[in-house]
């Protein structure tokens, strides 16, 4: 049995702001380790392989968590589900801080990613309470909070790690995680189930959605390659900055997170563009932005200004990709928002895991120029995907005319 009725009265601006902060706090645990990777690996007597493994397994765990827990957002009360996940995430952060062997740390980081998916349950829930005409803007506000979490996590962890050690950073992060539990319990209303499907059938329905919805397939492919591009840089940034000519530590690497504030502030604007222009055009623009970003990153070994400019453009493109894809998916099947988001974000973070692994390997061997080439290729692949689905949509529209109907599933707008 499905329910297509609104879960609750529309949320006020104060609650949307609080839940935006919840998204930021919840997702931050994925990114605390990034500026600390060289220090963490060195403490276990390991090198670039360990750095890549930590980054990759955290993202891989997140993708698995989305697959396992994301569909439950359509089946259970979201507030209780999020509180349970955040509590488990605190335990994973403490396990990272206390790990005595590299294998234990890798296992703890996998669990950390697995339980860090709360934001991707909050966002579909709140989007269902938004005015349809302002859904993109609301999603943009939530994503602004999420992006703030990613940026500030890197900055805070870099500073804490440089002065107090990486283990202290994870313990402080565990304490911080108490904040989103309080926020979500205060501001997210209890929600009724959108479906009564048993859990195995709920998981099986993910494959059906992927088969039947071309727009979902397009979003998954573009999300995969563009988030891979994003993590090419962020997964290897601390490694490259520790080398000549910079020789900088985790504190400076973390401060580069602040450069992305421009992208964070632009998230609501991106949402409005998705409402006005259509998601596919904004995703194509995101792909071009990411290619431009890596063209700038190619010069990072000669002047740090090229790196700073590249990070700004990269963050703008990455945010545009995510906000535009999520906005158009949430309008597709209201009764399956949680599952649509699960499929998309699983693909998205699998791309992040692949990008993290490739980024450290390419950066270790080929430096800034190799990293730039890999990022340009990702952007070009995303443009190819949007062009392919646009052509397929037009062909379908001519072959199967539907007077008076403009389905978002076929148009991909």
Protein backbone atom coordinates (compact mmCIF):
# COMPACT_ATOMS: atom_id res chain seq x y z
CA UNK A 1 0.00 0.00 0.00
CA UNK A 2 1.34 3.40 -0.93
CA UNK A 3 0.56 6.85 0.24
CA UNK A 4 0.93 9.82 -2.00
CA UNK A 5 -0.36 12.35 0.48
CA UNK A 6 1.94 14.84 2.13
CA UNK A 7 3.68 13.50 5.20
CA UNK A 8 3.03 16.61 7.30
CA UNK A 9 2.31 20.31 7.15
CA UNK A 10 4.98 22.29 5.24
CA UNK A 11 8.11 23.01 7.23
CA UNK A 12 8.91 26.59 8.17
CA UNK A 13 12.11 28.36 7.18
CA UNK A 14 13.57 27.85 10.66
CA UNK A 15 13.12 24.09 10.45
CA UNK A 16 14.55 23.96 6.92
CA UNK A 17 17.60 25.88 8.19
CA UNK A 18 18.00 23.51 11.14
CA UNK A 19 17.70 20.46 8.91
CA UNK A 20 20.21 21.99 6.49
CA UNK A 21 22.63 22.14 9.42
CA UNK A 22 21.74 18.53 10.25
CA UNK A 23 22.78 17.52 6.73
CA UNK A 24 26.11 19.30 7.18
CA UNK A 25 26.90 17.73 10.54
CA UNK A 26 25.83 14.27 9.34
CA UNK A 27 27.92 14.23 6.17
CA UNK A 28 31.00 15.79 7.79
CA UNK A 29 32.17 12.44 9.16
CA UNK A 30 32.97 11.34 5.60
CA UNK A 31 35.52 14.12 5.16
CA UNK A 32 37.36 14.50 8.47
CA UNK A 33 40.06 12.09 7.31
CA UNK A 34 40.93 13.73 3.97
CA UNK A 35 43.46 16.36 5.17
CA UNK A 36 44.86 13.85 7.67
CA UNK A 37 45.59 10.99 5.25
CA UNK A 38 49.40 11.42 5.15
CA UNK A 39 49.57 11.65 8.96
CA UNK A 40 47.28 8.65 9.46
CA UNK A 41 49.22 6.51 6.99
CA UNK A 42 52.55 7.54 8.53
CA UNK A 43 51.36 6.55 12.02
CA UNK A 44 50.87 3.00 10.75
CA UNK A 45 54.10 2.99 8.74
CA UNK A 46 52.23 3.03 5.42
CA UNK A 47 52.31 5.23 2.33
CA UNK A 48 50.06 6.29 -0.54
CA UNK A 49 48.36 2.88 -0.76
CA UNK A 50 46.96 3.27 2.76
CA UNK A 51 45.84 6.82 1.99
CA UNK A 52 43.93 5.67 -1.08
CA UNK A 53 42.43 2.70 0.78
CA UNK A 54 41.12 4.86 3.64
CA UNK A 55 39.51 7.36 1.27
CA UNK A 56 38.09 4.67 -1.01
CA UNK A 57 36.63 2.46 1.75
CA UNK A 58 34.92 5.41 3.43
CA UNK A 59 33.18 6.32 0.17
CA UNK A 60 32.47 2.66 -0.62
CA UNK A 61 30.92 2.19 2.82
CA UNK A 62 28.74 5.22 2.20
CA UNK A 63 27.51 3.78 -1.09
CA UNK A 64 26.66 0.49 0.64
CA UNK A 65 24.90 2.37 3.45
CA UNK A 66 22.76 4.20 0.92
CA UNK A 67 21.84 0.91 -0.71
CA UNK A 68 20.98 -0.81 2.58
CA UNK A 69 19.40 2.01 4.59
CA UNK A 70 18.19 4.54 2.00
CA UNK A 71 15.09 2.53 0.95
CA UNK A 72 14.00 2.38 4.59
CA UNK A 73 13.23 6.11 4.33
CA UNK A 74 10.12 5.07 2.36
CA UNK A 75 9.27 2.29 4.83
CA UNK A 76 9.98 3.60 8.37
CA UNK A 77 9.61 6.77 10.41
CA UNK A 78 12.50 8.83 9.11
CA UNK A 79 13.20 10.64 12.37
CA UNK A 80 13.79 7.42 14.32
CA UNK A 81 15.84 5.92 11.46
CA UNK A 82 18.12 8.97 11.28
CA UNK A 83 18.66 9.01 15.05
CA UNK A 84 19.72 5.34 14.99
CA UNK A 85 22.13 5.92 12.10
CA UNK A 86 23.72 8.94 13.77
CA UNK A 87 24.23 6.95 16.99
CA UNK A 88 25.94 4.17 15.05
CA UNK A 89 28.08 6.77 13.28
CA UNK A 90 29.31 8.08 16.63
CA UNK A 91 30.44 4.54 17.51
CA UNK A 92 32.30 4.30 14.19
CA UNK A 93 34.11 7.61 14.79
CA UNK A 94 35.23 6.42 18.23
CA UNK A 95 36.43 3.14 16.67
CA UNK A 96 38.54 5.11 14.18
CA UNK A 97 40.12 7.08 17.02
CA UNK A 98 40.97 3.92 18.97
CA UNK A 99 42.17 1.71 16.09
CA UNK A 100 45.56 0.14 16.87
CA UNK A 101 46.22 -1.54 13.50
CA UNK A 102 45.67 -0.42 9.92
CA UNK A 103 43.22 -3.27 9.25
CA UNK A 104 41.08 -2.14 12.20
CA UNK A 105 41.16 1.45 10.96
CA UNK A 106 40.09 0.39 7.46
CA UNK A 107 37.21 -1.61 8.92
CA UNK A 108 36.20 1.33 11.13
CA UNK A 109 36.29 3.72 8.15
CA UNK A 110 34.08 1.36 6.16
CA UNK A 111 31.60 1.33 9.05
CA UNK A 112 31.92 5.11 9.27
CA UNK A 113 30.82 5.49 5.66
CA UNK A 114 28.10 2.86 6.06
CA UNK A 115 26.37 4.81 8.85
CA UNK A 116 26.93 8.37 7.54
CA UNK A 117 23.92 8.38 5.21
CA UNK A 118 21.49 10.38 7.37
CA UNK A 119 21.59 13.47 5.15
CA UNK A 120 20.33 11.42 2.21
CA UNK A 121 17.26 10.47 4.24
CA UNK A 122 16.66 14.04 5.45
CA UNK A 123 16.78 15.56 1.95
CA UNK A 124 14.05 13.44 0.29
CA UNK A 125 11.89 13.82 3.41
CA UNK A 126 12.07 17.61 3.36
CA UNK A 127 11.68 17.81 -0.43
CA UNK A 128 8.35 16.02 -0.04
CA UNK A 129 7.14 18.85 2.21
CA UNK A 130 8.25 21.62 -0.15
CA UNK A 131 6.12 23.67 -2.54
CA UNK A 132 6.67 21.92 -5.92
CA UNK A 133 7.41 25.28 -7.56
CA UNK A 134 10.19 25.89 -5.00
CA UNK A 135 11.45 22.32 -4.62
CA UNK A 136 14.75 23.10 -6.35
CA UNK A 137 15.34 26.10 -4.10
CA UNK A 138 14.55 24.04 -0.97
CA UNK A 139 16.87 21.23 -2.07
CA UNK A 140 19.49 23.88 -2.81
CA UNK A 141 19.22 25.18 0.77
CA UNK A 142 19.61 21.68 2.17
CA UNK A 143 22.57 21.04 -0.10
CA UNK A 144 24.09 24.33 1.04
CA UNK A 145 24.12 22.94 4.58
CA UNK A 146 25.51 19.64 3.37
CA UNK A 147 28.29 21.35 1.44
CA UNK A 148 29.11 23.51 4.45
CA UNK A 149 29.66 20.29 6.37
CA UNK A 150 32.04 18.92 3.76
CA UNK A 151 34.05 22.13 3.64
CA UNK A 152 34.24 22.85 7.37
CA UNK A 153 34.99 19.20 8.18
CA UNK A 154 38.17 19.40 6.12
CA UNK A 155 39.19 22.73 7.64
CA UNK A 156 38.46 21.78 11.26
CA UNK A 157 40.08 18.36 10.98
CA UNK A 158 43.17 19.80 9.31
CA UNK A 159 43.69 22.30 12.13
CA UNK A 160 42.90 19.83 14.92
CA UNK A 161 45.08 17.16 13.36
CA UNK A 162 48.07 19.48 13.02
CA UNK A 163 47.93 20.60 16.66
CA UNK A 164 46.39 17.68 18.58
CA UNK A 165 46.76 14.61 16.34
CA UNK A 166 44.38 12.72 14.11
CA UNK A 167 42.98 10.51 16.88
CA UNK A 168 41.80 13.56 18.83
CA UNK A 169 40.10 14.82 15.68
CA UNK A 170 37.95 11.70 15.45
CA UNK A 171 37.00 11.90 19.14
CA UNK A 172 35.96 15.55 18.77
CA UNK A 173 33.96 14.59 15.68
CA UNK A 174 32.10 11.97 17.73
CA UNK A 175 31.05 14.64 20.23
CA UNK A 176 29.95 17.00 17.44
CA UNK A 177 27.68 14.26 16.09
CA UNK A 178 25.37 14.72 19.09
CA UNK A 179 24.21 18.04 17.58
CA UNK A 180 22.39 16.62 14.53
CA UNK A 181 20.60 14.06 16.71
CA UNK A 182 19.08 16.91 18.71
CA UNK A 183 18.25 18.94 15.59
CA UNK A 184 16.51 16.16 13.73
CA UNK A 185 14.49 15.15 16.79
CA UNK A 186 13.34 18.74 17.25
CA UNK A 187 12.63 19.80 13.67
CA UNK A 188 11.79 16.74 11.54
CA UNK A 189 8.22 15.54 12.13
CA UNK A 190 7.30 11.89 12.38
CA UNK A 191 6.46 10.53 8.94
CA UNK A 192 4.07 7.85 7.72
CA UNK A 193 5.29 5.06 5.48
CA UNK A 194 5.05 5.62 1.73
CA UNK A 195 5.04 1.87 1.15
CA UNK A 196 4.36 -1.36 3.06
CA UNK A 197 6.67 -3.48 0.92
CA UNK A 198 8.76 -5.96 2.94
CA UNK A 199 12.45 -5.08 3.07
CA UNK A 200 13.60 -7.69 0.47
CA UNK A 201 10.97 -6.48 -2.01
CA UNK A 202 11.89 -2.89 -1.20
CA UNK A 203 15.49 -3.62 -2.22
CA UNK A 204 14.33 -5.49 -5.32
CA UNK A 205 12.27 -2.45 -6.36
CA UNK A 206 15.50 -0.46 -6.76
CA UNK A 207 16.45 -2.50 -9.82
CA UNK A 208 12.96 -2.07 -11.26
CA UNK A 209 13.20 1.70 -10.89
CA UNK A 210 16.57 1.72 -12.63
CA UNK A 211 15.23 -0.35 -15.52
CA UNK A 212 12.04 1.66 -16.00
CA UNK A 213 13.26 5.24 -15.50
CA UNK A 214 15.66 6.59 -18.16
CA UNK A 215 16.06 9.81 -16.20
CA UNK A 216 17.31 7.83 -13.21
CA UNK A 217 19.87 6.02 -15.36
CA UNK A 218 21.10 9.32 -16.78
CA UNK A 219 21.40 10.88 -13.33
CA UNK A 220 23.31 7.85 -12.02
CA UNK A 221 25.84 7.95 -14.85
CA UNK A 222 26.48 11.69 -14.71
CA UNK A 223 26.57 11.62 -10.92
CA UNK A 224 29.11 8.77 -10.95
CA UNK A 225 31.63 10.38 -13.28
CA UNK A 226 31.34 13.95 -11.97
CA UNK A 227 31.67 12.95 -8.31
CA UNK A 228 34.60 10.74 -9.30
CA UNK A 229 36.17 13.90 -10.75
CA UNK A 230 35.54 15.79 -7.50
CA UNK A 231 37.26 13.08 -5.45
CA UNK A 232 40.17 12.81 -7.86
CA UNK A 233 41.32 16.12 -6.42
CA UNK A 234 40.15 15.95 -2.83
CA UNK A 235 41.36 12.38 -2.32
CA UNK A 236 44.89 13.31 -3.39
CA UNK A 237 45.18 16.98 -2.37
CA UNK A 238 46.96 16.42 0.94
CA UNK A 239 49.41 14.04 -0.76
CA UNK A 240 50.31 16.57 -3.48
CA UNK A 241 50.55 19.55 -1.11
CA UNK A 242 52.99 17.58 1.08
CA UNK A 243 55.40 17.42 -1.89
CA UNK A 244 57.62 20.00 -3.55
CA UNK A 245 57.28 22.89 -4.09
CA UNK A 246 54.86 23.33 -1.15
CA UNK A 247 55.71 20.83 1.64
CA UNK A 248 52.53 21.78 3.53
CA UNK A 249 50.88 19.83 6.33
CA UNK A 250 47.29 18.88 7.16
CA UNK A 251 46.45 22.32 8.58
CA UNK A 252 47.09 24.07 5.26
CA UNK A 253 45.47 21.24 3.26
CA UNK A 254 42.35 21.61 5.41
CA UNK A 255 42.21 25.36 4.89
CA UNK A 256 41.67 24.79 1.18
CA UNK A 257 38.19 23.64 2.15
CA UNK A 258 37.31 27.27 2.84
CA UNK A 259 38.04 28.11 -0.79
CA UNK A 260 34.90 26.16 -1.68
CA UNK A 261 32.61 28.51 0.25
CA UNK A 262 31.72 30.22 -3.03
CA UNK A 263 30.23 26.97 -4.29
CA UNK A 264 28.32 26.42 -1.06
CA UNK A 265 26.74 29.89 -1.19
CA UNK A 266 25.72 29.28 -4.79
CA UNK A 267 23.68 26.12 -4.00
CA UNK A 268 20.25 27.84 -3.64
CA UNK A 269 20.88 29.72 -6.90
CA UNK A 270 21.71 26.42 -8.58
CA UNK A 271 18.41 25.03 -7.35
CA UNK A 272 16.50 27.95 -8.85
CA UNK A 273 18.31 27.43 -12.16
CA UNK A 274 17.25 23.77 -12.12
CA UNK A 275 13.65 24.88 -11.55
CA UNK A 276 13.84 27.34 -14.45
CA UNK A 277 16.16 25.73 -17.03
CA UNK A 278 15.67 22.03 -16.39
CA UNK A 279 18.09 19.62 -14.77
CA UNK A 280 19.86 18.33 -17.89
CA UNK A 281 21.07 21.78 -18.95
CA UNK A 282 22.42 22.49 -15.47
CA UNK A 283 24.20 19.09 -15.36
CA UNK A 284 25.81 19.80 -18.74
CA UNK A 285 26.94 23.19 -17.42
CA UNK A 286 28.34 21.40 -14.36
CA UNK A 287 30.37 19.07 -16.59
CA UNK A 288 31.85 22.01 -18.48
CA UNK A 289 32.69 23.74 -15.17
CA UNK A 290 34.50 20.66 -13.89
CA UNK A 291 36.54 20.44 -17.10
CA UNK A 292 37.48 24.11 -16.69
CA UNK A 293 38.44 23.42 -13.08
CA UNK A 294 40.89 20.69 -14.00
CA UNK A 295 42.38 22.85 -16.74
CA UNK A 296 43.24 25.29 -13.93
CA UNK A 297 44.50 22.51 -11.64
CA UNK A 298 47.06 21.55 -14.29
CA UNK A 299 49.03 24.68 -13.33
CA UNK A 300 48.86 24.06 -9.56
CA UNK A 301 52.45 22.83 -9.40
CA UNK A 302 53.68 26.22 -10.58
CA UNK A 303 51.40 28.60 -8.67
CA UNK A 304 48.97 27.95 -5.82
CA UNK A 305 46.55 30.52 -7.27
CA UNK A 306 45.68 28.10 -10.09
CA UNK A 307 44.80 25.49 -7.48
CA UNK A 308 42.60 27.89 -5.51
CA UNK A 309 40.75 28.96 -8.66
CA UNK A 310 40.37 25.34 -9.73
CA UNK A 311 38.85 24.36 -6.37
CA UNK A 312 36.28 27.17 -6.57
CA UNK A 313 35.18 26.15 -10.07
CA UNK A 314 35.26 22.44 -9.17
CA UNK A 315 33.03 22.99 -6.15
CA UNK A 316 30.59 25.07 -8.21
CA UNK A 317 30.36 22.35 -10.84
CA UNK A 318 30.06 19.52 -8.34
CA UNK A 319 27.27 21.27 -6.44
CA UNK A 320 25.38 22.09 -9.64
CA UNK A 321 25.56 18.44 -10.68
CA UNK A 322 24.17 17.16 -7.38
CA UNK A 323 21.44 19.77 -6.84
CA UNK A 324 20.16 19.56 -10.44
CA UNK A 325 20.05 15.77 -10.52
CA UNK A 326 18.33 15.47 -7.16
CA UNK A 327 15.78 18.19 -7.97
CA UNK A 328 14.59 16.46 -11.13
CA UNK A 329 14.54 13.01 -9.51
CA UNK A 330 12.40 14.19 -6.57
CA UNK A 331 9.73 15.35 -9.03
CA UNK A 332 9.67 11.99 -10.82
CA UNK A 333 7.83 9.58 -8.46
CA UNK A 334 6.77 11.22 -5.17
CA UNK A 335 5.92 7.87 -3.54
CA UNK A 336 9.44 6.54 -4.22
CA UNK A 337 11.64 9.55 -3.44
CA UNK A 338 13.71 7.65 -0.89
CA UNK A 339 14.41 4.79 -3.29
CA UNK A 340 15.15 7.06 -6.25
CA UNK A 341 17.60 8.94 -4.05
CA UNK A 342 19.10 5.63 -2.89
CA UNK A 343 19.84 4.44 -6.41
CA UNK A 344 21.24 7.81 -7.48
CA UNK A 345 23.37 8.43 -4.41
CA UNK A 346 24.71 4.86 -4.37
CA UNK A 347 25.99 5.40 -7.89
CA UNK A 348 27.21 8.87 -6.92
CA UNK A 349 29.34 7.66 -4.02
CA UNK A 350 30.61 4.61 -5.87
CA UNK A 351 31.95 7.20 -8.30
CA UNK A 352 33.51 8.99 -5.32
CA UNK A 353 35.20 5.77 -4.17
CA UNK A 354 36.59 5.12 -7.65
CA UNK A 355 37.74 8.73 -7.95
CA UNK A 356 39.52 8.60 -4.58
CA UNK A 357 41.39 5.42 -5.49
CA UNK A 358 42.35 6.63 -8.98
CA UNK A 359 43.23 10.11 -7.74
CA UNK A 360 45.85 8.95 -5.22
CA UNK A 361 47.34 6.49 -7.73
CA UNK A 362 47.51 9.04 -10.56
CA UNK A 363 48.76 11.85 -8.32
CA UNK A 364 51.49 9.68 -6.80
CA UNK A 365 52.86 8.81 -10.26
CA UNK A 366 52.00 11.72 -12.56
CA UNK A 367 51.40 14.70 -10.24
CA UNK A 368 49.18 17.66 -11.05
CA UNK A 369 49.19 17.16 -14.84
CA UNK A 370 48.04 13.54 -14.62
CA UNK A 371 45.32 14.49 -12.17
CA UNK A 372 44.15 17.22 -14.53
CA UNK A 373 43.94 14.83 -17.48
CA UNK A 374 41.84 12.37 -15.47
CA UNK A 375 39.44 15.14 -14.41
CA UNK A 376 39.03 16.43 -17.96
CA UNK A 377 38.15 12.91 -19.10
CA UNK A 378 35.44 12.64 -16.43
CA UNK A 379 33.86 15.91 -17.54
CA UNK A 380 33.90 14.83 -21.18
CA UNK A 381 32.22 11.52 -20.30
CA UNK A 382 29.43 13.35 -18.45
CA UNK A 383 28.79 15.59 -21.46
CA UNK A 384 28.61 12.51 -23.66
CA UNK A 385 26.01 10.95 -21.35
CA UNK A 386 23.77 14.06 -21.37
CA UNK A 387 23.99 14.28 -25.17
CA UNK A 388 23.12 10.59 -25.54
CA UNK A 389 20.04 10.78 -23.31
CA UNK A 390 18.87 14.04 -24.88
CA UNK A 391 18.99 12.39 -28.32
CA UNK A 392 17.23 9.27 -27.03
CA UNK A 393 14.51 11.40 -25.40
CA UNK A 394 13.83 13.26 -28.64
CA UNK A 395 13.67 10.00 -30.61
CA UNK A 396 11.20 8.55 -28.13
CA UNK A 397 9.07 11.69 -28.20
CA UNK A 398 8.75 11.49 -31.99
CA UNK A 399 8.15 7.73 -32.02
CA UNK A 400 5.54 7.72 -29.23
CA UNK A 401 3.68 11.06 -29.26
CA UNK A 402 1.62 11.70 -26.17
CA UNK A 403 -0.68 14.70 -26.76
CA UNK A 404 -1.16 16.87 -23.72
CA UNK A 405 1.56 15.11 -21.74
CA UNK A 406 5.18 16.06 -21.06
CA UNK A 407 6.50 13.36 -18.76
CA UNK A 408 9.62 14.22 -16.83
CA UNK A 409 10.60 10.56 -17.04
CA UNK A 410 11.00 10.80 -20.79
CA UNK A 411 12.01 14.40 -21.23
CA UNK A 412 14.72 14.39 -18.62
CA UNK A 413 14.33 18.09 -17.92
